[in-house]
């Protein structure tokens, strides 16, 4: 299934907003670290791009404009790389072990009476993110604590 780059970035943005950044998940999923880093980069890198380019032009003059623009583009590309990774990850199907874990959590949450989406036969990381988000927002802490011990 081929997607356009714009759709991958859009999926990455949606996945970043859906994935629960919780300390319990840091040890199991790189997604938590990538989401935190990408959010930080989206705030910091645009001003850093302008600052680095301005300092370079101020120090070396306009004959270094191409290099200053390249440095600015590099700083601006860092959060885009995070969004691209997240967009690609969100559309990957879960490996068998995680798929089983997804089905177990879904069954426990359904038995607990949570309002969740229908069980997917071939879940992707975005469905896992939605399920975990609901679990951490709506389910009590004693219930979710047993999942990570």
N, C-alpha and C. Protein backbone atom coordinates (compact mmCIF):
# COMPACT_ATOMS: atom_id res chain seq x y z
N UNK A 1 0.85 -1.18 0.00
CA UNK A 1 0.00 0.00 0.00
C UNK A 1 0.89 1.24 0.00
N UNK A 2 0.94 1.92 -1.09
CA UNK A 2 1.77 3.10 -1.23
C UNK A 2 0.99 4.34 -0.84
N UNK A 3 1.62 5.16 -0.03
CA UNK A 3 0.99 6.40 0.42
C UNK A 3 1.82 7.58 -0.06
N UNK A 4 1.18 8.72 -0.18
CA UNK A 4 1.93 9.91 -0.51
C UNK A 4 2.64 10.42 0.74
N UNK A 5 3.65 11.22 0.52
CA UNK A 5 4.42 11.76 1.63
C UNK A 5 3.54 12.65 2.51
N UNK A 6 2.64 13.39 1.90
CA UNK A 6 1.74 14.25 2.67
C UNK A 6 0.85 13.42 3.60
N UNK A 7 0.37 12.28 3.11
CA UNK A 7 -0.45 11.41 3.95
C UNK A 7 0.35 10.81 5.09
N UNK A 8 1.61 10.47 4.83
CA UNK A 8 2.46 9.92 5.89
C UNK A 8 2.69 10.98 6.97
N UNK A 9 2.94 12.22 6.59
CA UNK A 9 3.11 13.29 7.57
C UNK A 9 1.82 13.53 8.36
N UNK A 10 0.68 13.48 7.66
CA UNK A 10 -0.61 13.65 8.32
C UNK A 10 -0.86 12.52 9.32
N UNK A 11 -0.56 11.29 8.91
CA UNK A 11 -0.69 10.15 9.81
C UNK A 11 0.26 10.28 11.00
N UNK A 12 1.46 10.77 10.75
CA UNK A 12 2.43 10.98 11.83
C UNK A 12 1.93 12.00 12.85
N UNK A 13 1.33 13.07 12.37
CA UNK A 13 0.78 14.09 13.26
C UNK A 13 -0.36 13.50 14.09
N UNK A 14 -1.24 12.74 13.44
CA UNK A 14 -2.36 12.13 14.17
C UNK A 14 -1.86 11.11 15.18
N UNK A 15 -0.88 10.31 14.79
CA UNK A 15 -0.32 9.30 15.68
C UNK A 15 0.37 9.95 16.87
N UNK A 16 1.09 11.05 16.62
CA UNK A 16 1.76 11.77 17.69
C UNK A 16 0.75 12.30 18.70
N UNK A 17 -0.39 12.77 18.22
CA UNK A 17 -1.41 13.29 19.13
C UNK A 17 -2.18 12.18 19.83
N UNK A 18 -2.16 10.97 19.28
CA UNK A 18 -2.90 9.86 19.87
C UNK A 18 -2.06 9.06 20.86
N UNK A 19 -0.79 8.85 20.56
CA UNK A 19 0.05 7.99 21.38
C UNK A 19 0.17 8.56 22.81
N UNK A 20 -0.16 7.76 23.83
CA UNK A 20 -0.03 8.25 25.21
C UNK A 20 1.43 8.24 25.65
N UNK A 21 1.97 9.40 25.94
CA UNK A 21 3.35 9.49 26.41
C UNK A 21 3.33 9.26 27.92
N UNK A 22 3.54 8.02 28.30
CA UNK A 22 3.49 7.60 29.69
C UNK A 22 4.78 6.89 30.04
N UNK A 23 5.21 7.06 31.29
CA UNK A 23 6.47 6.44 31.71
C UNK A 23 6.43 4.93 31.61
N UNK A 24 5.25 4.33 31.75
CA UNK A 24 5.12 2.88 31.66
C UNK A 24 5.46 2.36 30.27
N UNK A 25 5.27 3.18 29.26
CA UNK A 25 5.45 2.75 27.87
C UNK A 25 6.87 2.96 27.35
N UNK A 26 7.66 3.79 28.02
CA UNK A 26 9.00 4.11 27.54
C UNK A 26 9.87 2.87 27.38
N UNK A 27 9.77 1.91 28.30
CA UNK A 27 10.61 0.72 28.24
C UNK A 27 10.20 -0.25 27.14
N UNK A 28 8.97 -0.17 26.69
CA UNK A 28 8.46 -1.14 25.73
C UNK A 28 8.38 -0.64 24.30
N UNK A 29 8.20 0.66 24.12
CA UNK A 29 7.98 1.19 22.77
C UNK A 29 8.89 2.39 22.51
N UNK A 30 9.59 2.42 21.38
CA UNK A 30 10.36 3.61 21.04
C UNK A 30 9.44 4.77 20.66
N UNK A 31 8.19 4.48 20.39
CA UNK A 31 7.24 5.51 19.97
C UNK A 31 7.15 6.63 20.99
N UNK A 32 7.19 6.29 22.26
CA UNK A 32 7.07 7.31 23.32
C UNK A 32 8.22 8.31 23.24
N UNK A 33 9.43 7.80 23.04
CA UNK A 33 10.59 8.69 22.93
C UNK A 33 10.54 9.52 21.65
N UNK A 34 10.11 8.90 20.56
CA UNK A 34 10.04 9.63 19.28
C UNK A 34 8.97 10.72 19.36
N UNK A 35 7.84 10.42 19.99
CA UNK A 35 6.78 11.43 20.13
C UNK A 35 7.28 12.60 20.97
N UNK A 36 7.91 12.31 22.11
CA UNK A 36 8.42 13.39 22.97
C UNK A 36 9.47 14.22 22.25
N UNK A 37 10.38 13.55 21.54
CA UNK A 37 11.44 14.25 20.83
C UNK A 37 10.87 15.08 19.67
N UNK A 38 9.91 14.55 18.96
CA UNK A 38 9.32 15.27 17.84
C UNK A 38 8.55 16.49 18.32
N UNK A 39 7.81 16.36 19.42
CA UNK A 39 7.10 17.52 19.97
C UNK A 39 8.09 18.61 20.37
N UNK A 40 9.20 18.20 20.99
CA UNK A 40 10.23 19.17 21.37
C UNK A 40 10.83 19.81 20.12
N UNK A 41 11.14 19.00 19.11
CA UNK A 41 11.75 19.53 17.89
C UNK A 41 10.81 20.48 17.15
N UNK A 42 9.51 20.21 17.17
CA UNK A 42 8.56 21.11 16.52
C UNK A 42 8.54 22.48 17.18
N UNK A 43 8.83 22.55 18.46
CA UNK A 43 8.86 23.83 19.17
C UNK A 43 10.20 24.54 19.01
N UNK A 44 11.28 23.79 19.05
CA UNK A 44 12.61 24.39 19.15
C UNK A 44 13.31 24.59 17.80
N UNK A 45 13.14 23.68 16.87
CA UNK A 45 13.94 23.72 15.65
C UNK A 45 13.64 24.90 14.71
N UNK A 46 12.39 25.34 14.53
CA UNK A 46 12.21 26.51 13.66
C UNK A 46 12.95 27.77 14.15
N UNK A 47 12.86 28.12 15.45
CA UNK A 47 13.67 29.26 15.88
C UNK A 47 15.18 29.00 15.77
N UNK A 48 15.60 27.75 16.01
CA UNK A 48 17.02 27.42 15.88
C UNK A 48 17.48 27.57 14.43
N UNK A 49 16.63 27.22 13.49
CA UNK A 49 16.98 27.36 12.06
C UNK A 49 17.20 28.82 11.71
N UNK A 50 16.29 29.66 12.17
CA UNK A 50 16.42 31.10 11.89
C UNK A 50 17.65 31.66 12.58
N UNK A 51 17.86 31.30 13.82
CA UNK A 51 18.99 31.81 14.59
C UNK A 51 20.32 31.36 13.98
N UNK A 52 20.44 30.09 13.65
CA UNK A 52 21.69 29.58 13.08
C UNK A 52 21.99 30.24 11.73
N UNK A 53 20.95 30.37 10.91
CA UNK A 53 21.15 31.01 9.60
C UNK A 53 21.52 32.48 9.75
N UNK A 54 20.83 33.17 10.65
CA UNK A 54 21.12 34.60 10.86
C UNK A 54 22.54 34.80 11.40
N UNK A 55 22.96 33.97 12.33
CA UNK A 55 24.31 34.11 12.88
C UNK A 55 25.36 33.85 11.80
N UNK A 56 25.11 32.85 10.98
CA UNK A 56 26.07 32.54 9.93
C UNK A 56 26.18 33.68 8.91
N UNK A 57 25.03 34.23 8.53
CA UNK A 57 25.06 35.35 7.57
C UNK A 57 25.69 36.58 8.21
N UNK A 58 25.37 36.82 9.49
CA UNK A 58 25.94 37.97 10.19
C UNK A 58 27.45 37.83 10.35
N UNK A 59 27.92 36.63 10.60
CA UNK A 59 29.35 36.43 10.84
C UNK A 59 30.15 36.40 9.54
N UNK A 60 29.68 35.68 8.54
CA UNK A 60 30.46 35.47 7.32
C UNK A 60 29.99 36.29 6.12
N UNK A 61 28.81 36.91 6.21
CA UNK A 61 28.32 37.72 5.11
C UNK A 61 27.43 36.93 4.17
N UNK A 62 26.91 37.64 3.17
CA UNK A 62 25.95 37.04 2.24
C UNK A 62 26.58 36.06 1.26
N UNK A 63 27.91 36.04 1.17
CA UNK A 63 28.51 35.05 0.28
C UNK A 63 28.34 33.62 0.84
N UNK A 64 27.97 33.51 2.10
CA UNK A 64 27.69 32.20 2.72
C UNK A 64 26.19 31.93 2.82
N UNK A 65 25.40 32.63 2.04
CA UNK A 65 23.95 32.43 2.05
C UNK A 65 23.54 30.99 1.70
N UNK A 66 24.14 30.35 0.70
CA UNK A 66 23.74 28.96 0.43
C UNK A 66 23.99 28.02 1.61
N UNK A 67 25.13 28.18 2.28
CA UNK A 67 25.43 27.35 3.44
C UNK A 67 24.48 27.66 4.60
N UNK A 68 24.14 28.92 4.77
CA UNK A 68 23.21 29.30 5.83
C UNK A 68 21.82 28.72 5.57
N UNK A 69 21.40 28.73 4.32
CA UNK A 69 20.10 28.14 3.98
C UNK A 69 20.12 26.62 4.17
N UNK A 70 21.25 25.99 3.86
CA UNK A 70 21.37 24.54 4.07
C UNK A 70 21.30 24.20 5.55
N UNK A 71 21.93 24.98 6.38
CA UNK A 71 21.87 24.74 7.83
C UNK A 71 20.45 24.95 8.33
N UNK A 72 19.79 25.99 7.86
CA UNK A 72 18.40 26.22 8.24
C UNK A 72 17.49 25.09 7.81
N UNK A 73 17.71 24.60 6.58
CA UNK A 73 16.91 23.48 6.09
C UNK A 73 17.16 22.22 6.91
N UNK A 74 18.41 22.02 7.33
CA UNK A 74 18.71 20.86 8.16
C UNK A 74 17.93 20.92 9.48
N UNK A 75 17.97 22.07 10.14
CA UNK A 75 17.24 22.21 11.41
C UNK A 75 15.74 22.00 11.21
N UNK A 76 15.21 22.50 10.10
CA UNK A 76 13.78 22.33 9.83
C UNK A 76 13.42 20.89 9.47
N UNK A 77 14.39 20.13 8.97
CA UNK A 77 14.10 18.74 8.59
C UNK A 77 14.02 17.80 9.78
N UNK A 78 14.58 18.16 10.91
CA UNK A 78 14.60 17.25 12.06
C UNK A 78 13.20 16.90 12.57
N UNK A 79 12.31 17.86 12.81
CA UNK A 79 10.97 17.44 13.23
C UNK A 79 10.20 16.72 12.12
N UNK A 80 10.52 17.03 10.87
CA UNK A 80 9.85 16.35 9.76
C UNK A 80 10.25 14.87 9.73
N UNK A 81 11.50 14.58 10.09
CA UNK A 81 11.94 13.19 10.14
C UNK A 81 11.17 12.42 11.21
N UNK A 82 10.94 13.06 12.36
CA UNK A 82 10.15 12.43 13.41
C UNK A 82 8.72 12.18 12.98
N UNK A 83 8.11 13.15 12.32
CA UNK A 83 6.74 12.96 11.84
C UNK A 83 6.66 11.87 10.78
N UNK A 84 7.68 11.81 9.93
CA UNK A 84 7.68 10.78 8.90
C UNK A 84 7.80 9.39 9.54
N UNK A 85 8.69 9.25 10.52
CA UNK A 85 8.84 7.96 11.21
C UNK A 85 7.55 7.56 11.89
N UNK A 86 6.91 8.51 12.57
CA UNK A 86 5.65 8.21 13.25
C UNK A 86 4.55 7.84 12.27
N UNK A 87 4.49 8.52 11.13
CA UNK A 87 3.48 8.20 10.13
C UNK A 87 3.69 6.82 9.54
N UNK A 88 4.94 6.47 9.30
CA UNK A 88 5.23 5.13 8.79
C UNK A 88 4.91 4.07 9.84
N UNK A 89 5.27 4.35 11.09
CA UNK A 89 5.04 3.39 12.18
C UNK A 89 3.54 3.18 12.41
N UNK A 90 2.76 4.22 12.33
CA UNK A 90 1.33 4.10 12.62
C UNK A 90 0.62 3.16 11.67
N UNK A 91 1.14 3.01 10.46
CA UNK A 91 0.50 2.17 9.46
C UNK A 91 1.09 0.76 9.38
N UNK A 92 2.03 0.44 10.25
CA UNK A 92 2.58 -0.91 10.29
C UNK A 92 1.66 -1.82 11.09
N UNK A 93 1.51 -3.05 10.64
CA UNK A 93 0.71 -4.01 11.41
C UNK A 93 1.52 -4.46 12.62
N UNK A 94 0.81 -4.79 13.67
CA UNK A 94 1.46 -5.23 14.90
C UNK A 94 2.10 -6.60 14.70
N UNK A 95 3.28 -6.82 15.30
CA UNK A 95 3.86 -8.16 15.26
C UNK A 95 3.00 -9.13 16.08
N UNK A 96 3.15 -10.44 15.89
CA UNK A 96 2.27 -11.40 16.56
C UNK A 96 2.17 -11.26 18.07
N UNK A 97 3.28 -11.02 18.74
CA UNK A 97 3.24 -10.89 20.20
C UNK A 97 2.45 -9.66 20.63
N UNK A 98 2.68 -8.53 19.96
CA UNK A 98 1.93 -7.32 20.28
C UNK A 98 0.46 -7.45 19.88
N UNK A 99 0.21 -8.17 18.81
CA UNK A 99 -1.18 -8.40 18.38
C UNK A 99 -1.94 -9.15 19.46
N UNK A 100 -1.31 -10.16 20.04
CA UNK A 100 -1.94 -10.91 21.13
C UNK A 100 -2.18 -10.01 22.34
N UNK A 101 -1.19 -9.16 22.65
CA UNK A 101 -1.33 -8.23 23.77
C UNK A 101 -2.47 -7.25 23.50
N UNK A 102 -2.57 -6.76 22.27
CA UNK A 102 -3.66 -5.86 21.87
C UNK A 102 -5.02 -6.54 22.09
N UNK A 103 -5.13 -7.79 21.66
CA UNK A 103 -6.39 -8.53 21.81
C UNK A 103 -6.72 -8.75 23.30
N UNK A 104 -5.72 -9.04 24.13
CA UNK A 104 -5.94 -9.22 25.56
C UNK A 104 -6.42 -7.93 26.22
N UNK A 105 -5.77 -6.83 25.89
CA UNK A 105 -6.18 -5.54 26.47
C UNK A 105 -7.58 -5.18 26.00
N UNK A 106 -7.86 -5.40 24.73
CA UNK A 106 -9.18 -5.09 24.19
C UNK A 106 -10.25 -5.91 24.92
N UNK A 107 -9.97 -7.19 25.15
CA UNK A 107 -10.95 -8.05 25.85
C UNK A 107 -11.16 -7.58 27.29
N UNK A 108 -10.08 -7.24 27.97
CA UNK A 108 -10.20 -6.77 29.36
C UNK A 108 -10.97 -5.46 29.43
N UNK A 109 -10.69 -4.56 28.50
CA UNK A 109 -11.38 -3.27 28.51
C UNK A 109 -12.86 -3.44 28.15
N UNK A 110 -13.15 -4.34 27.22
CA UNK A 110 -14.56 -4.61 26.87
C UNK A 110 -15.29 -5.20 28.06
N UNK A 111 -14.64 -6.11 28.78
CA UNK A 111 -15.24 -6.71 29.97
C UNK A 111 -15.42 -5.68 31.07
N UNK A 112 -14.55 -4.69 31.09
CA UNK A 112 -14.61 -3.63 32.10
C UNK A 112 -15.70 -2.60 31.76
N UNK A 113 -16.21 -2.66 30.53
CA UNK A 113 -17.29 -1.76 30.12
C UNK A 113 -16.84 -0.48 29.47
N UNK A 114 -15.63 -0.44 28.93
CA UNK A 114 -15.12 0.77 28.28
C UNK A 114 -15.69 0.90 26.87
N UNK A 115 -15.85 2.14 26.47
CA UNK A 115 -16.30 2.44 25.10
C UNK A 115 -15.07 2.48 24.21
N UNK A 116 -14.85 1.41 23.45
CA UNK A 116 -13.69 1.33 22.57
C UNK A 116 -14.14 0.91 21.19
N UNK A 117 -13.24 1.12 20.22
CA UNK A 117 -13.58 0.75 18.84
C UNK A 117 -13.60 -0.77 18.70
N UNK A 118 -14.14 -1.22 17.60
CA UNK A 118 -14.27 -2.66 17.35
C UNK A 118 -12.90 -3.31 17.25
N UNK A 119 -12.84 -4.55 17.62
CA UNK A 119 -11.61 -5.33 17.57
C UNK A 119 -11.20 -5.55 16.12
N UNK A 120 -9.97 -5.25 15.80
CA UNK A 120 -9.44 -5.42 14.44
C UNK A 120 -8.75 -6.78 14.35
N UNK A 121 -8.93 -7.45 13.25
CA UNK A 121 -8.26 -8.74 13.07
C UNK A 121 -6.77 -8.56 12.75
N UNK A 122 -6.44 -7.49 12.01
CA UNK A 122 -5.04 -7.15 11.72
C UNK A 122 -4.78 -5.74 12.21
N UNK A 123 -4.56 -5.57 13.51
CA UNK A 123 -4.40 -4.21 14.04
C UNK A 123 -3.06 -3.59 13.65
N UNK A 124 -3.09 -2.28 13.54
CA UNK A 124 -1.90 -1.49 13.27
C UNK A 124 -1.51 -0.78 14.56
N UNK A 125 -0.36 -0.12 14.53
CA UNK A 125 0.09 0.61 15.70
C UNK A 125 -0.87 1.75 16.06
N UNK A 126 -1.54 2.33 15.06
CA UNK A 126 -2.47 3.41 15.38
C UNK A 126 -3.66 2.90 16.19
N UNK A 127 -4.12 1.67 15.94
CA UNK A 127 -5.20 1.10 16.76
C UNK A 127 -4.71 0.80 18.17
N UNK A 128 -3.46 0.35 18.29
CA UNK A 128 -2.89 0.14 19.62
C UNK A 128 -2.78 1.46 20.37
N UNK A 129 -2.38 2.51 19.68
CA UNK A 129 -2.28 3.82 20.31
C UNK A 129 -3.64 4.31 20.81
N UNK A 130 -4.67 4.13 20.00
CA UNK A 130 -6.02 4.55 20.41
C UNK A 130 -6.49 3.75 21.63
N UNK A 131 -6.22 2.45 21.63
CA UNK A 131 -6.62 1.60 22.75
C UNK A 131 -5.88 2.00 24.02
N UNK A 132 -4.57 2.23 23.91
CA UNK A 132 -3.80 2.62 25.09
C UNK A 132 -4.19 4.00 25.60
N UNK A 133 -4.52 4.89 24.69
CA UNK A 133 -4.95 6.23 25.10
C UNK A 133 -6.24 6.14 25.92
N UNK A 134 -7.20 5.36 25.45
CA UNK A 134 -8.45 5.18 26.19
C UNK A 134 -8.16 4.50 27.54
N UNK A 135 -7.26 3.52 27.51
CA UNK A 135 -6.94 2.79 28.75
C UNK A 135 -6.36 3.73 29.79
N UNK A 136 -5.44 4.59 29.41
CA UNK A 136 -4.80 5.47 30.38
C UNK A 136 -5.69 6.64 30.78
N UNK A 137 -6.62 7.04 29.93
CA UNK A 137 -7.49 8.16 30.28
C UNK A 137 -8.71 7.74 31.07
N UNK A 138 -9.30 6.59 30.72
CA UNK A 138 -10.60 6.23 31.28
C UNK A 138 -10.56 5.11 32.32
N UNK A 139 -9.55 4.27 32.26
CA UNK A 139 -9.53 3.11 33.14
C UNK A 139 -8.71 3.46 34.38
N UNK A 140 -9.08 2.85 35.48
CA UNK A 140 -8.41 3.18 36.74
C UNK A 140 -6.98 2.65 36.77
N UNK A 141 -6.13 3.28 37.56
CA UNK A 141 -4.70 3.00 37.56
C UNK A 141 -4.37 1.59 38.02
N UNK A 142 -5.13 1.03 38.91
CA UNK A 142 -4.86 -0.33 39.38
C UNK A 142 -5.05 -1.32 38.23
N UNK A 143 -6.00 -1.05 37.37
CA UNK A 143 -6.29 -1.93 36.24
C UNK A 143 -5.14 -1.92 35.23
N UNK A 144 -4.61 -0.75 34.91
CA UNK A 144 -3.54 -0.65 33.91
C UNK A 144 -2.19 -1.01 34.49
N UNK A 145 -1.98 -0.90 35.77
CA UNK A 145 -0.69 -1.20 36.37
C UNK A 145 -0.29 -2.66 36.15
N UNK A 146 -1.25 -3.57 36.14
CA UNK A 146 -0.94 -4.99 35.95
C UNK A 146 -0.44 -5.32 34.55
N UNK A 147 -0.65 -4.45 33.57
CA UNK A 147 -0.22 -4.70 32.21
C UNK A 147 1.29 -4.57 32.05
N UNK A 148 1.93 -3.79 32.92
CA UNK A 148 3.34 -3.47 32.74
C UNK A 148 4.24 -4.03 33.83
N UNK A 149 3.80 -5.07 34.50
CA UNK A 149 4.64 -5.67 35.54
C UNK A 149 5.09 -7.04 35.16
